[in-house]
Amino acid sequence: MQEWTGFIAAMRTGGWIMYPLSVLGVLALTIIIERAYVFARFASAPARLLQPPSADDNRLNGLAPHHAFRRMAAPWLPESDSPLWLREASAQSIASQIERDMGRGLWLLETIVTAAPLLGLLGTIVGMMKSFQLFGGNGLVDPGGVTGGVAQSLVATAIGLIVAVFALFAFNYFSRRLERLMDELELFANARLSALRLQHEARGERG
């Protein structure tokens, strides 16, 4: 309880700049939770999905309807009569859509990484200006006010850096996770493209 009281006191000490910093912190936390759910629900890749396809391939069973691998499997359905070049073009288009959908909100995290320390710096400047204004021509007028201004500047800087570091780690993690997903989708599509080419070559030889 004392830690929570101290945190509230520190937030009050930081002044008005704590309001936009709090908004950025809540926004970053919301994006992180939402993206974590999306990647866990629609981007997990069991090892069986990356293996070469078989005749009785049912490895997509159990995946969510909008799962990335289920979406990528659509152009490679065996019952489709589309030519290979059209399937490849369709797979590339689907991959671009998946990358855009899975990366939604990451630009905002990247913005928070830059904006939070800048807002903290603004709070530092405001706090120091408040302290300097208390110096009179005959010396120090209000020592308590000066220390309060310094405390405001330190709290604003610390909170801004905390929010920025928190968002930075999350942004780097999700960016790397998205890159790995796209690599896995490429392996998934290439395996099915190779299988279809082998089937077409076998049909040509029999003909």
N, C-alpha and C. Protein backbone atom coordinates (compact mmCIF):
# COMPACT_ATOMS: atom_id res chain seq x y z
N MET A 1 0.83 -1.20 0.00
CA MET A 1 0.00 0.00 0.00
C MET A 1 0.86 1.25 0.00
N GLN A 2 1.98 1.19 0.75
CA GLN A 2 2.87 2.34 0.80
C GLN A 2 3.52 2.60 -0.55
N GLU A 3 3.87 1.50 -1.28
CA GLU A 3 4.48 1.68 -2.60
C GLU A 3 3.50 2.38 -3.55
N TRP A 4 2.22 1.99 -3.48
CA TRP A 4 1.22 2.61 -4.36
C TRP A 4 1.03 4.09 -3.99
N THR A 5 1.04 4.39 -2.69
CA THR A 5 0.93 5.78 -2.26
C THR A 5 2.13 6.59 -2.75
N GLY A 6 3.32 5.99 -2.65
CA GLY A 6 4.51 6.68 -3.15
C GLY A 6 4.46 6.91 -4.64
N PHE A 7 3.92 5.94 -5.38
CA PHE A 7 3.81 6.11 -6.82
C PHE A 7 2.85 7.25 -7.17
N ILE A 8 1.73 7.31 -6.48
CA ILE A 8 0.77 8.40 -6.72
C ILE A 8 1.40 9.75 -6.40
N ALA A 9 2.16 9.79 -5.32
CA ALA A 9 2.83 11.04 -4.95
C ALA A 9 3.84 11.45 -6.00
N ALA A 10 4.56 10.47 -6.53
CA ALA A 10 5.53 10.78 -7.58
C ALA A 10 4.85 11.28 -8.84
N MET A 11 3.71 10.70 -9.18
CA MET A 11 2.95 11.16 -10.35
C MET A 11 2.49 12.60 -10.16
N ARG A 12 2.07 12.93 -8.94
CA ARG A 12 1.64 14.31 -8.68
C ARG A 12 2.83 15.26 -8.74
N THR A 13 3.97 14.79 -8.29
CA THR A 13 5.17 15.63 -8.32
C THR A 13 5.58 15.95 -9.75
N GLY A 14 5.35 15.03 -10.66
CA GLY A 14 5.76 15.23 -12.05
C GLY A 14 5.01 16.34 -12.76
N GLY A 15 3.87 16.77 -12.24
CA GLY A 15 3.15 17.89 -12.85
C GLY A 15 2.27 17.44 -14.00
N TRP A 16 1.85 18.41 -14.78
CA TRP A 16 0.88 18.16 -15.85
C TRP A 16 1.44 17.26 -16.95
N ILE A 17 2.76 17.20 -17.08
CA ILE A 17 3.35 16.39 -18.14
C ILE A 17 3.08 14.90 -17.92
N MET A 18 2.71 14.53 -16.68
CA MET A 18 2.45 13.14 -16.40
C MET A 18 1.17 12.64 -17.07
N TYR A 19 0.27 13.54 -17.38
CA TYR A 19 -0.98 13.12 -18.04
C TYR A 19 -0.72 12.56 -19.45
N PRO A 20 -0.02 13.30 -20.34
CA PRO A 20 0.26 12.69 -21.65
C PRO A 20 1.18 11.47 -21.54
N LEU A 21 2.10 11.48 -20.58
CA LEU A 21 2.96 10.30 -20.41
C LEU A 21 2.15 9.09 -19.96
N SER A 22 1.17 9.32 -19.11
CA SER A 22 0.30 8.23 -18.67
C SER A 22 -0.52 7.69 -19.84
N VAL A 23 -1.00 8.60 -20.69
CA VAL A 23 -1.76 8.17 -21.87
C VAL A 23 -0.89 7.31 -22.77
N LEU A 24 0.37 7.72 -22.99
CA LEU A 24 1.28 6.93 -23.82
C LEU A 24 1.56 5.57 -23.19
N GLY A 25 1.71 5.54 -21.87
CA GLY A 25 1.95 4.28 -21.19
C GLY A 25 0.79 3.32 -21.32
N VAL A 26 -0.42 3.83 -21.11
CA VAL A 26 -1.62 2.98 -21.23
C VAL A 26 -1.79 2.52 -22.67
N LEU A 27 -1.54 3.41 -23.63
CA LEU A 27 -1.67 3.05 -25.03
C LEU A 27 -0.66 1.97 -25.41
N ALA A 28 0.58 2.11 -24.95
CA ALA A 28 1.60 1.09 -25.24
C ALA A 28 1.22 -0.25 -24.64
N LEU A 29 0.73 -0.24 -23.41
CA LEU A 29 0.33 -1.48 -22.76
C LEU A 29 -0.83 -2.15 -23.48
N THR A 30 -1.78 -1.35 -23.96
CA THR A 30 -2.92 -1.89 -24.69
C THR A 30 -2.47 -2.55 -25.99
N ILE A 31 -1.60 -1.87 -26.72
CA ILE A 31 -1.10 -2.43 -27.98
C ILE A 31 -0.33 -3.72 -27.73
N ILE A 32 0.49 -3.74 -26.70
CA ILE A 32 1.29 -4.93 -26.39
C ILE A 32 0.40 -6.12 -26.07
N ILE A 33 -0.61 -5.91 -25.25
CA ILE A 33 -1.51 -7.01 -24.90
C ILE A 33 -2.28 -7.50 -26.12
N GLU A 34 -2.77 -6.56 -26.93
CA GLU A 34 -3.55 -6.93 -28.11
C GLU A 34 -2.68 -7.67 -29.14
N ARG A 35 -1.47 -7.19 -29.38
CA ARG A 35 -0.58 -7.85 -30.34
C ARG A 35 -0.11 -9.21 -29.83
N ALA A 36 0.11 -9.31 -28.53
CA ALA A 36 0.50 -10.61 -27.96
C ALA A 36 -0.59 -11.64 -28.18
N TYR A 37 -1.84 -11.25 -27.99
CA TYR A 37 -2.95 -12.16 -28.23
C TYR A 37 -3.04 -12.54 -29.71
N VAL A 38 -2.90 -11.55 -30.60
CA VAL A 38 -3.00 -11.81 -32.03
C VAL A 38 -1.92 -12.77 -32.50
N PHE A 39 -0.68 -12.55 -32.07
CA PHE A 39 0.40 -13.43 -32.49
C PHE A 39 0.24 -14.83 -31.91
N ALA A 40 -0.22 -14.92 -30.67
CA ALA A 40 -0.41 -16.24 -30.07
C ALA A 40 -1.56 -16.99 -30.72
N ARG A 41 -2.59 -16.27 -31.13
CA ARG A 41 -3.80 -16.89 -31.66
C ARG A 41 -3.71 -17.17 -33.16
N PHE A 42 -3.09 -16.27 -33.92
CA PHE A 42 -3.16 -16.35 -35.38
C PHE A 42 -1.80 -16.49 -36.07
N ALA A 43 -0.72 -16.63 -35.30
CA ALA A 43 0.59 -16.69 -35.96
C ALA A 43 1.47 -17.81 -35.44
N SER A 44 0.99 -18.61 -34.50
CA SER A 44 1.81 -19.71 -34.00
C SER A 44 1.97 -20.76 -35.09
N ALA A 45 3.18 -21.28 -35.22
CA ALA A 45 3.48 -22.22 -36.31
C ALA A 45 3.97 -23.53 -35.72
N PRO A 46 3.09 -24.52 -35.54
CA PRO A 46 3.56 -25.84 -35.12
C PRO A 46 4.55 -26.42 -36.12
N ALA A 47 5.47 -27.22 -35.65
CA ALA A 47 6.53 -27.75 -36.52
C ALA A 47 5.96 -28.56 -37.68
N ARG A 48 4.80 -29.17 -37.48
CA ARG A 48 4.22 -30.01 -38.54
C ARG A 48 3.85 -29.18 -39.77
N LEU A 49 3.56 -27.88 -39.58
CA LEU A 49 3.15 -27.05 -40.72
C LEU A 49 4.30 -26.78 -41.67
N LEU A 50 5.53 -26.82 -41.18
CA LEU A 50 6.69 -26.50 -42.00
C LEU A 50 7.28 -27.73 -42.68
N GLN A 51 6.68 -28.89 -42.48
CA GLN A 51 7.15 -30.11 -43.14
C GLN A 51 6.53 -30.21 -44.53
N PRO A 52 7.16 -30.96 -45.44
CA PRO A 52 6.60 -31.12 -46.80
C PRO A 52 5.18 -31.68 -46.75
N PRO A 53 4.30 -31.19 -47.61
CA PRO A 53 2.91 -31.66 -47.60
C PRO A 53 2.80 -33.10 -48.05
N SER A 54 1.75 -33.76 -47.60
CA SER A 54 1.49 -35.14 -47.98
C SER A 54 0.12 -35.24 -48.63
N ALA A 55 -0.18 -36.41 -49.12
CA ALA A 55 -1.43 -36.59 -49.85
C ALA A 55 -2.64 -36.39 -48.93
N ASP A 56 -2.52 -36.86 -47.70
CA ASP A 56 -3.63 -36.71 -46.74
C ASP A 56 -3.29 -35.62 -45.72
N ASP A 57 -2.97 -34.46 -46.25
CA ASP A 57 -2.51 -33.36 -45.41
C ASP A 57 -3.68 -32.74 -44.66
N ASN A 58 -3.70 -32.94 -43.35
CA ASN A 58 -4.75 -32.33 -42.53
C ASN A 58 -4.14 -31.54 -41.38
N ARG A 59 -2.94 -31.01 -41.60
CA ARG A 59 -2.23 -30.33 -40.54
C ARG A 59 -2.80 -28.96 -40.21
N LEU A 60 -3.68 -28.45 -41.06
CA LEU A 60 -4.30 -27.16 -40.79
C LEU A 60 -5.49 -27.29 -39.85
N ASN A 61 -5.90 -28.52 -39.57
CA ASN A 61 -7.03 -28.72 -38.66
C ASN A 61 -6.68 -28.20 -37.27
N GLY A 62 -7.62 -27.56 -36.66
CA GLY A 62 -7.41 -27.02 -35.32
C GLY A 62 -6.94 -25.58 -35.30
N LEU A 63 -6.55 -25.04 -36.46
CA LEU A 63 -6.13 -23.64 -36.50
C LEU A 63 -7.34 -22.72 -36.59
N ALA A 64 -7.19 -21.51 -36.09
CA ALA A 64 -8.28 -20.52 -36.14
C ALA A 64 -8.61 -20.19 -37.59
N PRO A 65 -9.87 -19.81 -37.88
CA PRO A 65 -10.26 -19.53 -39.27
C PRO A 65 -9.39 -18.48 -39.95
N HIS A 66 -8.94 -17.47 -39.23
CA HIS A 66 -8.13 -16.41 -39.82
C HIS A 66 -6.65 -16.57 -39.49
N HIS A 67 -6.24 -17.78 -39.15
CA HIS A 67 -4.83 -18.04 -38.86
C HIS A 67 -3.99 -17.75 -40.11
N ALA A 68 -2.80 -17.25 -39.89
CA ALA A 68 -1.94 -16.85 -41.02
C ALA A 68 -1.65 -18.03 -41.95
N PHE A 69 -1.41 -19.21 -41.39
CA PHE A 69 -1.08 -20.37 -42.23
C PHE A 69 -2.31 -20.91 -42.95
N ARG A 70 -3.46 -20.78 -42.35
CA ARG A 70 -4.68 -21.19 -43.05
C ARG A 70 -4.95 -20.24 -44.22
N ARG A 71 -4.70 -18.96 -44.04
CA ARG A 71 -4.87 -18.00 -45.14
C ARG A 71 -3.86 -18.27 -46.25
N MET A 72 -2.63 -18.58 -45.88
CA MET A 72 -1.60 -18.84 -46.89
C MET A 72 -1.84 -20.15 -47.62
N ALA A 73 -2.57 -21.08 -47.03
CA ALA A 73 -2.82 -22.37 -47.67
C ALA A 73 -3.87 -22.27 -48.77
N ALA A 74 -4.67 -21.19 -48.77
CA ALA A 74 -5.77 -21.09 -49.73
C ALA A 74 -5.33 -21.20 -51.19
N PRO A 75 -4.24 -20.54 -51.63
CA PRO A 75 -3.87 -20.66 -53.06
C PRO A 75 -3.35 -22.03 -53.46
N TRP A 76 -3.01 -22.87 -52.48
CA TRP A 76 -2.36 -24.15 -52.81
C TRP A 76 -3.29 -25.34 -52.62
N LEU A 77 -4.59 -25.09 -52.57
CA LEU A 77 -5.53 -26.21 -52.44
C LEU A 77 -5.44 -27.10 -53.67
N PRO A 78 -5.40 -28.42 -53.50
CA PRO A 78 -5.21 -29.32 -54.64
C PRO A 78 -6.37 -29.33 -55.61
N GLU A 79 -7.57 -28.95 -55.15
CA GLU A 79 -8.71 -28.99 -56.05
C GLU A 79 -8.78 -27.77 -56.97
N SER A 80 -7.90 -26.81 -56.76
CA SER A 80 -7.90 -25.61 -57.61
C SER A 80 -7.27 -25.92 -58.96
N ASP A 81 -7.86 -25.35 -60.03
CA ASP A 81 -7.34 -25.54 -61.39
C ASP A 81 -6.55 -24.33 -61.88
N SER A 82 -6.24 -23.40 -61.00
CA SER A 82 -5.50 -22.20 -61.40
C SER A 82 -4.08 -22.56 -61.77
N PRO A 83 -3.49 -21.85 -62.74
CA PRO A 83 -2.08 -22.11 -63.10
C PRO A 83 -1.16 -21.70 -61.95
N LEU A 84 0.07 -22.24 -62.00
CA LEU A 84 1.00 -22.01 -60.91
C LEU A 84 1.35 -20.53 -60.76
N TRP A 85 1.49 -19.82 -61.89
CA TRP A 85 1.88 -18.41 -61.78
C TRP A 85 0.80 -17.59 -61.08
N LEU A 86 -0.46 -17.97 -61.30
CA LEU A 86 -1.55 -17.26 -60.64
C LEU A 86 -1.59 -17.58 -59.15
N ARG A 87 -1.28 -18.81 -58.81
CA ARG A 87 -1.23 -19.19 -57.40
C ARG A 87 -0.10 -18.45 -56.68
N GLU A 88 1.04 -18.34 -57.35
CA GLU A 88 2.15 -17.61 -56.75
C GLU A 88 1.79 -16.15 -56.52
N ALA A 89 1.15 -15.53 -57.49
CA ALA A 89 0.75 -14.12 -57.34
C ALA A 89 -0.25 -13.96 -56.21
N SER A 90 -1.18 -14.91 -56.11
CA SER A 90 -2.16 -14.86 -55.04
C SER A 90 -1.49 -15.03 -53.68
N ALA A 91 -0.51 -15.93 -53.60
CA ALA A 91 0.20 -16.14 -52.33
C ALA A 91 0.98 -14.89 -51.93
N GLN A 92 1.59 -14.21 -52.88
CA GLN A 92 2.31 -12.98 -52.57
C GLN A 92 1.37 -11.90 -52.06
N SER A 93 0.20 -11.81 -52.66
CA SER A 93 -0.78 -10.83 -52.21
C SER A 93 -1.27 -11.15 -50.80
N ILE A 94 -1.52 -12.43 -50.53
CA ILE A 94 -1.96 -12.82 -49.19
C ILE A 94 -0.87 -12.56 -48.17
N ALA A 95 0.40 -12.81 -48.54
CA ALA A 95 1.51 -12.57 -47.62
C ALA A 95 1.60 -11.08 -47.26
N SER A 96 1.38 -10.21 -48.25
CA SER A 96 1.41 -8.77 -47.98
C SER A 96 0.27 -8.38 -47.03
N GLN A 97 -0.91 -8.96 -47.23
CA GLN A 97 -2.03 -8.67 -46.35
C GLN A 97 -1.76 -9.16 -44.92
N ILE A 98 -1.18 -10.35 -44.81
CA ILE A 98 -0.87 -10.89 -43.49
C ILE A 98 0.15 -10.01 -42.78
N GLU A 99 1.19 -9.58 -43.51
CA GLU A 99 2.21 -8.73 -42.91
C GLU A 99 1.61 -7.41 -42.43
N ARG A 100 0.69 -6.86 -43.23
CA ARG A 100 0.04 -5.60 -42.82
C ARG A 100 -0.86 -5.82 -41.61
N ASP A 101 -1.61 -6.92 -41.59
CA ASP A 101 -2.52 -7.18 -40.47
C ASP A 101 -1.75 -7.47 -39.17
N MET A 102 -0.71 -8.28 -39.27
CA MET A 102 0.02 -8.65 -38.07
C MET A 102 0.87 -7.49 -37.53
N GLY A 103 1.24 -6.57 -38.40
CA GLY A 103 2.06 -5.43 -37.98
C GLY A 103 1.24 -4.22 -37.57
N ARG A 104 -0.07 -4.37 -37.50
CA ARG A 104 -0.93 -3.25 -37.15
C ARG A 104 -0.63 -2.77 -35.73
N GLY A 105 -0.44 -1.49 -35.58
CA GLY A 105 -0.18 -0.89 -34.27
C GLY A 105 1.29 -0.78 -33.93
N LEU A 106 2.17 -1.47 -34.66
CA LEU A 106 3.59 -1.41 -34.33
C LEU A 106 4.17 -0.02 -34.61
N TRP A 107 3.64 0.67 -35.62
CA TRP A 107 4.12 2.02 -35.89
C TRP A 107 3.83 2.94 -34.71
N LEU A 108 2.72 2.68 -34.00
CA LEU A 108 2.38 3.50 -32.84
C LEU A 108 3.34 3.23 -31.69
N LEU A 109 3.73 1.96 -31.51
CA LEU A 109 4.74 1.65 -30.50
C LEU A 109 6.05 2.35 -30.82
N GLU A 110 6.42 2.35 -32.10
CA GLU A 110 7.66 3.02 -32.50
C GLU A 110 7.58 4.51 -32.22
N THR A 111 6.40 5.11 -32.44
CA THR A 111 6.21 6.52 -32.15
C THR A 111 6.33 6.80 -30.66
N ILE A 112 5.77 5.91 -29.83
CA ILE A 112 5.86 6.09 -28.38
C ILE A 112 7.30 6.01 -27.91
N VAL A 113 8.10 5.15 -28.55
CA VAL A 113 9.51 5.05 -28.18
C VAL A 113 10.20 6.40 -28.33
N THR A 114 9.82 7.17 -29.34
CA THR A 114 10.43 8.48 -29.55
C THR A 114 9.74 9.57 -28.74
N ALA A 115 8.42 9.51 -28.64
CA ALA A 115 7.67 10.60 -28.02
C ALA A 115 7.81 10.62 -26.51
N ALA A 116 7.86 9.47 -25.86
CA ALA A 116 7.88 9.42 -24.39
C ALA A 116 9.11 10.13 -23.80
N PRO A 117 10.34 9.83 -24.27
CA PRO A 117 11.48 10.57 -23.70
C PRO A 117 11.45 12.05 -24.02
N LEU A 118 10.89 12.42 -25.17
CA LEU A 118 10.79 13.84 -25.50
C LEU A 118 9.83 14.55 -24.55
N LEU A 119 8.72 13.90 -24.23
CA LEU A 119 7.81 14.48 -23.25
C LEU A 119 8.47 14.56 -21.87
N GLY A 120 9.23 13.53 -21.52
CA GLY A 120 9.97 13.58 -20.26
C GLY A 120 10.96 14.72 -20.24
N LEU A 121 11.63 14.94 -21.36
CA LEU A 121 12.56 16.07 -21.46
C LEU A 121 11.83 17.40 -21.33
N LEU A 122 10.64 17.47 -21.92
CA LEU A 122 9.84 18.69 -21.77
C LEU A 122 9.49 18.92 -20.31
N GLY A 123 9.13 17.86 -19.61
CA GLY A 123 8.85 17.98 -18.19
C GLY A 123 10.07 18.43 -17.41
N THR A 124 11.25 17.94 -17.82
CA THR A 124 12.49 18.38 -17.18
C THR A 124 12.71 19.88 -17.36
N ILE A 125 12.50 20.35 -18.58
CA ILE A 125 12.70 21.77 -18.86
C ILE A 125 11.71 22.63 -18.07
N VAL A 126 10.44 22.18 -18.03
CA VAL A 126 9.43 22.94 -17.28
C VAL A 126 9.78 22.98 -15.80
N GLY A 127 10.22 21.84 -15.24
CA GLY A 127 10.58 21.80 -13.83
C GLY A 127 11.77 22.69 -13.51
N MET A 128 12.78 22.69 -14.38
CA MET A 128 13.94 23.53 -14.15
C MET A 128 13.60 25.00 -14.29
N MET A 129 12.76 25.34 -15.27
CA MET A 129 12.32 26.73 -15.41
C MET A 129 11.58 27.19 -14.16
N LYS A 130 10.76 26.31 -13.60
CA LYS A 130 10.03 26.63 -12.38
C LYS A 130 10.99 26.89 -11.23
N SER A 131 12.07 26.11 -11.19
CA SER A 131 13.05 26.30 -10.13
C SER A 131 13.81 27.60 -10.30
N PHE A 132 14.22 27.91 -11.53
CA PHE A 132 15.00 29.12 -11.77
C PHE A 132 14.20 30.39 -11.52
N GLN A 133 12.89 30.30 -11.73
CA GLN A 133 12.06 31.48 -11.50
C GLN A 133 12.00 31.87 -10.03
N LEU A 134 12.37 30.95 -9.15
CA LEU A 134 12.31 31.23 -7.72
C LEU A 134 13.57 31.90 -7.20
N PHE A 135 14.55 32.06 -8.08
CA PHE A 135 15.75 32.79 -7.68
C PHE A 135 15.51 34.28 -7.84
N GLY A 136 15.70 35.01 -6.79
CA GLY A 136 15.51 36.45 -6.85
C GLY A 136 16.84 37.17 -6.99
N GLY A 137 16.75 38.46 -7.03
CA GLY A 137 17.98 39.24 -7.17
C GLY A 137 18.87 39.17 -5.96
N ASN A 138 18.30 38.89 -4.79
CA ASN A 138 19.07 38.83 -3.55
C ASN A 138 19.42 37.39 -3.16
N GLY A 139 19.24 36.46 -4.05
CA GLY A 139 19.58 35.08 -3.72
C GLY A 139 18.37 34.17 -3.77
N LEU A 140 18.47 33.10 -3.03
CA LEU A 140 17.44 32.07 -3.05
C LEU A 140 16.22 32.53 -2.26
N VAL A 141 15.05 32.46 -2.90
CA VAL A 141 13.82 32.92 -2.27
C VAL A 141 13.08 31.79 -1.57
N ASP A 142 12.88 30.68 -2.27
CA ASP A 142 12.07 29.58 -1.73
C ASP A 142 12.79 28.25 -1.97
N PRO A 143 13.59 27.77 -1.02
CA PRO A 143 14.29 26.49 -1.22
C PRO A 143 13.36 25.33 -1.48
N GLY A 144 12.21 25.31 -0.79
CA GLY A 144 11.27 24.21 -1.00
C GLY A 144 10.73 24.19 -2.41
N GLY A 145 10.46 25.38 -2.96
CA GLY A 145 9.96 25.44 -4.33
C GLY A 145 10.99 24.99 -5.33
N VAL A 146 12.27 25.33 -5.07
CA VAL A 146 13.34 24.91 -5.98
C VAL A 146 13.48 23.40 -5.99
N THR A 147 13.50 22.78 -4.83
CA THR A 147 13.62 21.33 -4.78
C THR A 147 12.40 20.66 -5.39
N GLY A 148 11.22 21.29 -5.24
CA GLY A 148 10.03 20.74 -5.89
C GLY A 148 10.14 20.76 -7.40
N GLY A 149 10.69 21.84 -7.95
CA GLY A 149 10.87 21.91 -9.40
C GLY A 149 11.87 20.89 -9.89
N VAL A 150 12.95 20.69 -9.13
CA VAL A 150 13.94 19.68 -9.51
C VAL A 150 13.32 18.28 -9.45
N ALA A 151 12.52 18.03 -8.41
CA ALA A 151 11.85 16.72 -8.30
C ALA A 151 10.90 16.50 -9.47
N GLN A 152 10.20 17.54 -9.87
CA GLN A 152 9.29 17.43 -11.01
C GLN A 152 10.05 17.06 -12.27
N SER A 153 11.20 17.68 -12.48
CA SER A 153 11.98 17.39 -13.69
C SER A 153 12.51 15.96 -13.67
N LEU A 154 12.96 15.49 -12.50
CA LEU A 154 13.51 14.13 -12.42
C LEU A 154 12.42 13.08 -12.61
N VAL A 155 11.26 13.30 -12.01
CA VAL A 155 10.17 12.33 -12.15
C VAL A 155 9.71 12.25 -13.59
N ALA A 156 9.55 13.39 -14.26
CA ALA A 156 9.11 13.39 -15.66
C ALA A 156 10.11 12.66 -16.55
N THR A 157 11.40 12.90 -16.33
CA THR A 157 12.42 12.21 -17.13
C THR A 157 12.38 10.71 -16.89
N ALA A 158 12.28 10.31 -15.62
CA ALA A 158 12.28 8.88 -15.30
C ALA A 158 11.07 8.17 -15.91
N ILE A 159 9.88 8.75 -15.78
CA ILE A 159 8.68 8.11 -16.32
C ILE A 159 8.76 8.04 -17.85
N GLY A 160 9.23 9.11 -18.47
CA GLY A 160 9.37 9.09 -19.93
C GLY A 160 10.31 8.00 -20.41
N LEU A 161 11.42 7.81 -19.71
CA LEU A 161 12.37 6.76 -20.09
C LEU A 161 11.80 5.37 -19.84
N ILE A 162 11.06 5.21 -18.75
CA ILE A 162 10.46 3.90 -18.46
C ILE A 162 9.47 3.51 -19.55
N VAL A 163 8.60 4.45 -19.92
CA VAL A 163 7.62 4.17 -20.98
C VAL A 163 8.33 3.85 -22.29
N ALA A 164 9.38 4.63 -22.62
CA ALA A 164 10.09 4.43 -23.88
C ALA A 164 10.79 3.07 -23.92
N VAL A 165 11.46 2.70 -22.83
CA VAL A 165 12.16 1.41 -22.80
C VAL A 165 11.17 0.26 -22.90
N PHE A 166 10.06 0.37 -22.19
CA PHE A 166 9.02 -0.66 -22.22
C PHE A 166 8.49 -0.84 -23.64
N ALA A 167 8.20 0.28 -24.32
CA ALA A 167 7.68 0.21 -25.69
C ALA A 167 8.75 -0.28 -26.66
N LEU A 168 10.02 0.09 -26.40
CA LEU A 168 11.10 -0.32 -27.30
C LEU A 168 11.29 -1.83 -27.30
N PHE A 169 11.32 -2.43 -26.12
CA PHE A 169 11.47 -3.89 -26.04
C PHE A 169 10.30 -4.59 -26.73
N ALA A 170 9.10 -4.08 -26.51
CA ALA A 170 7.93 -4.69 -27.14
C ALA A 170 7.98 -4.54 -28.66
N PHE A 171 8.36 -3.36 -29.13
CA PHE A 171 8.43 -3.13 -30.58
C PHE A 171 9.46 -4.05 -31.22
N ASN A 172 10.62 -4.18 -30.62
CA ASN A 172 11.66 -5.05 -31.19
C ASN A 172 11.21 -6.51 -31.18
N TYR A 173 10.54 -6.92 -30.12
CA TYR A 173 10.08 -8.31 -30.05
C TYR A 173 9.06 -8.61 -31.15
N PHE A 174 8.05 -7.75 -31.27
CA PHE A 174 7.01 -8.01 -32.26
C PHE A 174 7.54 -7.86 -33.69
N SER A 175 8.48 -6.95 -33.90
CA SER A 175 9.07 -6.83 -35.23
C SER A 175 9.83 -8.09 -35.60
N ARG A 176 10.60 -8.62 -34.66
CA ARG A 176 11.33 -9.87 -34.92
C ARG A 176 10.36 -11.04 -35.09
N ARG A 177 9.30 -11.04 -34.30
CA ARG A 177 8.30 -12.10 -34.43
C ARG A 177 7.61 -12.05 -35.78
N LEU A 178 7.37 -10.86 -36.30
CA LEU A 178 6.75 -10.71 -37.60
C LEU A 178 7.69 -11.18 -38.71
N GLU A 179 8.97 -10.86 -38.59
CA GLU A 179 9.94 -11.33 -39.58
C GLU A 179 10.01 -12.86 -39.60
N ARG A 180 10.00 -13.46 -38.42
CA ARG A 180 10.04 -14.93 -38.36
C ARG A 180 8.78 -15.54 -38.97
N LEU A 181 7.64 -14.90 -38.71
CA LEU A 181 6.39 -15.40 -39.29
C LEU A 181 6.44 -15.37 -40.81
N MET A 182 6.94 -14.27 -41.37
CA MET A 182 6.99 -14.16 -42.84
C MET A 182 7.96 -15.19 -43.42
N ASP A 183 9.06 -15.46 -42.73
CA ASP A 183 9.99 -16.52 -43.19
C ASP A 183 9.31 -17.89 -43.16
N GLU A 184 8.56 -18.15 -42.11
CA GLU A 184 7.86 -19.44 -42.00
C GLU A 184 6.78 -19.57 -43.07
N LEU A 185 6.08 -18.49 -43.36
CA LEU A 185 5.06 -18.53 -44.41
C LEU A 185 5.70 -18.76 -45.78
N GLU A 186 6.88 -18.19 -45.97
CA GLU A 186 7.58 -18.42 -47.25
C GLU A 186 7.98 -19.87 -47.39
N LEU A 187 8.50 -20.49 -46.32
CA LEU A 187 8.84 -21.91 -46.36
C LEU A 187 7.59 -22.75 -46.61
N PHE A 188 6.51 -22.38 -45.95
CA PHE A 188 5.25 -23.09 -46.10
C PHE A 188 4.76 -23.05 -47.55
N ALA A 189 4.80 -21.86 -48.16
CA ALA A 189 4.34 -21.70 -49.55
C ALA A 189 5.28 -22.39 -50.53
N ASN A 190 6.59 -22.29 -50.29
CA ASN A 190 7.54 -22.92 -51.21
C ASN A 190 7.40 -24.44 -51.21
N ALA A 191 7.12 -25.01 -50.03
CA ALA A 191 6.95 -26.46 -49.97
C ALA A 191 5.75 -26.90 -50.79
N ARG A 192 4.67 -26.16 -50.73
CA ARG A 192 3.48 -26.52 -51.50
C ARG A 192 3.65 -26.23 -52.99
N LEU A 193 4.37 -25.17 -53.30
CA LEU A 193 4.65 -24.89 -54.71
C LEU A 193 5.51 -25.99 -55.32
N SER A 194 6.51 -26.45 -54.57
CA SER A 194 7.36 -27.53 -55.08
C SER A 194 6.56 -28.81 -55.27
N ALA A 195 5.66 -29.12 -54.34
CA ALA A 195 4.84 -30.32 -54.47
C ALA A 195 3.94 -30.24 -55.70
N LEU A 196 3.35 -29.09 -55.96
CA LEU A 196 2.49 -28.93 -57.14
C LEU A 196 3.30 -29.03 -58.43
N ARG A 197 4.50 -28.51 -58.44
CA ARG A 197 5.34 -28.62 -59.63
C ARG A 197 5.70 -30.07 -59.92
N LEU A 198 5.99 -30.82 -58.86
CA LEU A 198 6.28 -32.24 -59.05
C LEU A 198 5.06 -32.97 -59.60
N GLN A 199 3.90 -32.63 -59.12
CA GLN A 199 2.68 -33.26 -59.63
C GLN A 199 2.48 -32.94 -61.10
N HIS A 200 2.69 -31.67 -61.48
CA HIS A 200 2.52 -31.28 -62.87
C HIS A 200 3.54 -31.97 -63.77
N GLU A 201 4.78 -32.10 -63.29
CA GLU A 201 5.81 -32.78 -64.10
C GLU A 201 5.47 -34.25 -64.25
N ALA A 202 4.96 -34.87 -63.18
CA ALA A 202 4.58 -36.29 -63.27
C ALA A 202 3.45 -36.48 -64.24
N ARG A 203 2.48 -35.59 -64.27
CA ARG A 203 1.38 -35.68 -65.21
C ARG A 203 1.87 -35.50 -66.65
N GLY A 204 2.85 -34.60 -66.82
CA GLY A 204 3.39 -34.37 -68.16
C GLY A 204 4.13 -35.58 -68.67
N GLU A 205 4.88 -36.26 -67.78
CA GLU A 205 5.60 -37.45 -68.21
C GLU A 205 4.65 -38.56 -68.60
N ARG A 206 3.56 -38.70 -67.82
CA ARG A 206 2.61 -39.75 -68.16
C ARG A 206 1.93 -39.44 -69.49
N GLY A 207 1.73 -38.11 -69.75
CA GLY A 207 1.08 -37.78 -71.01
C GLY A 207 1.97 -38.05 -72.17
